[in-house]
């Protein structure tokens, strides 16, 4: 019999609660309507959401407990999931409809997250009310019949859900054709099919389908990824973005959230960082003004910011190991990089070997690095004093009092940590070896 020693218990909002939390995390206002039990789990859920700015309009009903899923994990691997749930049958939804009608005209978008548990017993009642007010309706569907969502603006089935309705799609052309037929059949404006490792496909009337490849660096957990997709879609549309742009944002967000464990949210700075990476050929690098905005948001969320610096002229295994170790110390790793002129002053006129934009691009592509920023001075003391990270890290045989910016960090309550570099790894040694071989 497997035995698990319980070390920590964490509550997270799931289902439509996760959708609302994703919206609030992006900085938008979310009003959540649904059914819960009359129990402690409902109290915990409402507190969890309202503390993050979600306006909860729960219809509490004592016929069933609040739906709860208990995941047991060990070393970040899910061992088993226990579901405590019963659908809410024959519940009078009039109070929910009344609240919805009061809010829908002022809403930028409506999301119907259908889990077939009773709260969406009559989707048409909500879709028609939204259409009368001119509010777009996005549906995360459930089941093998999409007719209850007739007239919605957009539905977001995954590939399995889509094929359960239209049949097997042997290739993209078949998927596109069946998708367009579905638009006509159910009077939909658009259809977004999420396709796991193949990304997602947006199908609209009279427009060539748009397929975006997956952007996930590494997949840890797909739990709640669909919630993130539809929440980012709706938030972007409510902000006035086109469907194409909203889909691109949702695709980026999906790539971020599957790299997290369990139901999770995506922050605005995570999106901003990846969008910038898309625009700049993969370099998640920032100028100082952009960086300081990210730093402020990081500190407001209570995250631990780790900072280090260096020339990083030729990235070698010692750098990789060092940066991985630095990242384990906190939530974010910021790397400050010497400009070309700064490297030349420190290392000589023949350096750097690689120009600044190349060095920053390589660093930004590392899994362990979140943000990269250049500095022009000989030391990053001014920048470190401005950022004031939670932890300042330096590699080598330094004494703490010798580290630029260390005193300011410690005076602000932070830590200074010295990590060792991998033996026999240095840029200077690599250059000398190359020169010796050429000679």
Foldseek 3Di string as FASTA:
>chain_A
DDDDDDDDDDDDDAFVLLLQLQLLQQPHEAEDEEEAEPDPVVVVSVCVSVVSRYHYDYDYDNPAHGWDKDFDDDPLHTDDIDTRDAADPPDPCVVVLVVLLVCLLVDLAAEAEDPPRHRPPQVVSNLVSNVVSVHAYEYADDDQDPQSVQNHAEYEYEPVNLCSNQNDDPDPVSVQVSQVVVCVVRVYQWYWYQYVQQGIWIHGPPDDIDTDGADAPDFSAQRQLVSQLVSQLSSCSSVPDDSVVSNVLSRQQSNVQRVDRHSDHDHNVSSVQVVVCVVVVNQSEDELVNVLVVLVVCVVVVWAEEEEEDAQLDPDPQNLVQLQVRLVVTPAYEYEHEAQQLCCVVPHVVDDPDHPVVSSNVQSNRPSHDYYYYDHHNACQVVCLVSLGQEYEEEDDDDQVPHRNSVSNVVVVHYYYYDYTDPPDDPVSVVVVVVVVVD
